[in-house]
Protein backbone atom coordinates (compact mmCIF):
# COMPACT_ATOMS: atom_id res chain seq x y z
CA MET A 1 8.93 -16.61 -1.15
CA HIS A 2 11.07 -13.82 -2.54
CA TYR A 3 11.34 -10.14 -1.69
CA VAL A 4 11.87 -7.59 -4.44
CA GLY A 5 12.98 -3.98 -4.01
CA ILE A 6 12.81 -1.46 -6.85
CA ASP A 7 14.26 2.06 -6.98
CA PRO A 8 12.76 3.63 -10.13
CA SER A 9 15.08 6.09 -11.83
CA SER A 10 16.93 6.53 -15.12
CA ASN A 11 19.30 4.00 -13.54
CA THR A 12 16.69 1.73 -11.92
CA GLY A 13 17.91 -0.35 -9.00
CA LEU A 14 16.63 -3.87 -8.42
CA VAL A 15 17.35 -6.24 -5.57
CA ILE A 16 15.86 -9.69 -5.06
CA LEU A 17 16.15 -11.55 -1.75
CA ASP A 18 15.29 -15.16 -1.06
CA GLU A 19 13.15 -16.36 1.87
CA ASN A 20 16.24 -16.24 4.13
CA MET A 21 16.87 -12.59 3.18
CA LYS A 22 19.99 -13.54 1.22
CA VAL A 23 20.64 -11.48 -1.88
CA LYS A 24 19.93 -13.44 -5.05
CA LEU A 25 20.37 -10.48 -7.38
CA GLU A 26 21.49 -6.85 -7.29
CA TYR A 27 21.12 -5.10 -10.61
CA ASP A 28 21.06 -1.61 -12.12
CA ILE A 29 18.85 -1.30 -15.18
CA SER A 30 19.26 1.46 -17.72
CA SER A 31 18.66 2.12 -21.39
CA LYS A 32 20.41 4.38 -23.87
CA GLU A 33 17.16 4.88 -25.77
CA GLU A 34 16.72 8.59 -26.59
CA ASP A 35 12.90 8.64 -26.57
CA LYS A 36 11.69 8.83 -22.95
CA ILE A 37 8.64 6.65 -23.50
CA LYS A 38 10.61 3.94 -25.27
CA ARG A 39 13.33 4.15 -22.59
CA ALA A 40 10.79 3.72 -19.79
CA LYS A 41 9.18 0.78 -21.58
CA LYS A 42 12.58 -0.85 -22.17
CA ILE A 43 13.49 -0.49 -18.48
CA CYS A 44 10.10 -1.99 -17.46
CA ASP A 45 10.51 -4.90 -19.87
CA ILE A 46 13.99 -5.68 -18.52
CA LEU A 47 12.72 -5.31 -14.94
CA ILE A 48 9.77 -7.67 -15.41
CA ASN A 49 11.78 -10.25 -17.34
CA THR A 50 14.59 -10.21 -14.77
CA ILE A 51 12.20 -10.64 -11.85
CA TYR A 52 10.39 -13.49 -13.59
CA HIS A 53 13.69 -15.16 -14.50
CA VAL A 54 14.88 -15.12 -10.86
CA VAL A 55 11.57 -15.62 -9.02
CA GLY A 56 9.70 -17.76 -11.55
CA ASN A 57 6.24 -18.71 -10.29
CA ASP A 58 7.25 -18.36 -6.64
CA LYS A 59 5.39 -15.88 -4.45
CA CYS A 60 7.05 -12.53 -3.94
CA GLU A 61 6.48 -9.27 -2.15
CA ILE A 62 7.50 -6.18 -4.06
CA ALA A 63 8.46 -2.83 -2.53
CA ILE A 64 8.85 0.19 -4.81
CA GLU A 65 10.51 3.37 -3.58
CA GLY A 66 8.07 6.27 -3.47
CA PHE A 67 8.12 9.34 -5.67
CA SER A 68 10.53 12.17 -4.93
CA TYR A 69 7.97 14.97 -4.92
CA GLY A 70 10.47 17.71 -4.03
CA SER A 71 12.88 16.90 -6.85
CA LYS A 72 13.63 19.42 -9.59
CA GLY A 73 15.32 19.11 -12.93
CA LYS A 74 14.81 17.81 -16.42
CA SER A 75 14.60 14.11 -15.50
CA VAL A 76 11.77 14.43 -12.97
CA ASP A 77 9.06 13.84 -15.57
CA PHE A 78 10.82 10.66 -16.68
CA GLN A 79 11.07 9.39 -13.10
CA TYR A 80 7.36 9.98 -12.47
CA GLY A 81 6.40 8.31 -15.76
CA LEU A 82 8.67 5.34 -15.10
CA GLY A 83 7.36 5.00 -11.54
CA TYR A 84 3.75 4.89 -12.72
CA LEU A 85 4.58 2.50 -15.56
CA ILE A 86 6.30 0.09 -13.16
CA ARG A 87 3.36 0.24 -10.77
CA SER A 88 0.85 -0.45 -13.52
């Protein structure tokens, strides 16, 4: 069993713990892609591949940080899109 924590953002945080709650991986995922849709897809691809590489076919529980509904600024739309893409 593994435990996965994801903090979706333009610099997406990922942590993977083993069954003893020891950290197996701490990783920040980002992309320099200019297009927001391509950047979100790239981050999701890296995220999924990294999780699969560490966890393999083992069971895991995944926790994803919730949306920051009160946030303002130009990157909010990207964070919402990325959050939904990760969840899907």
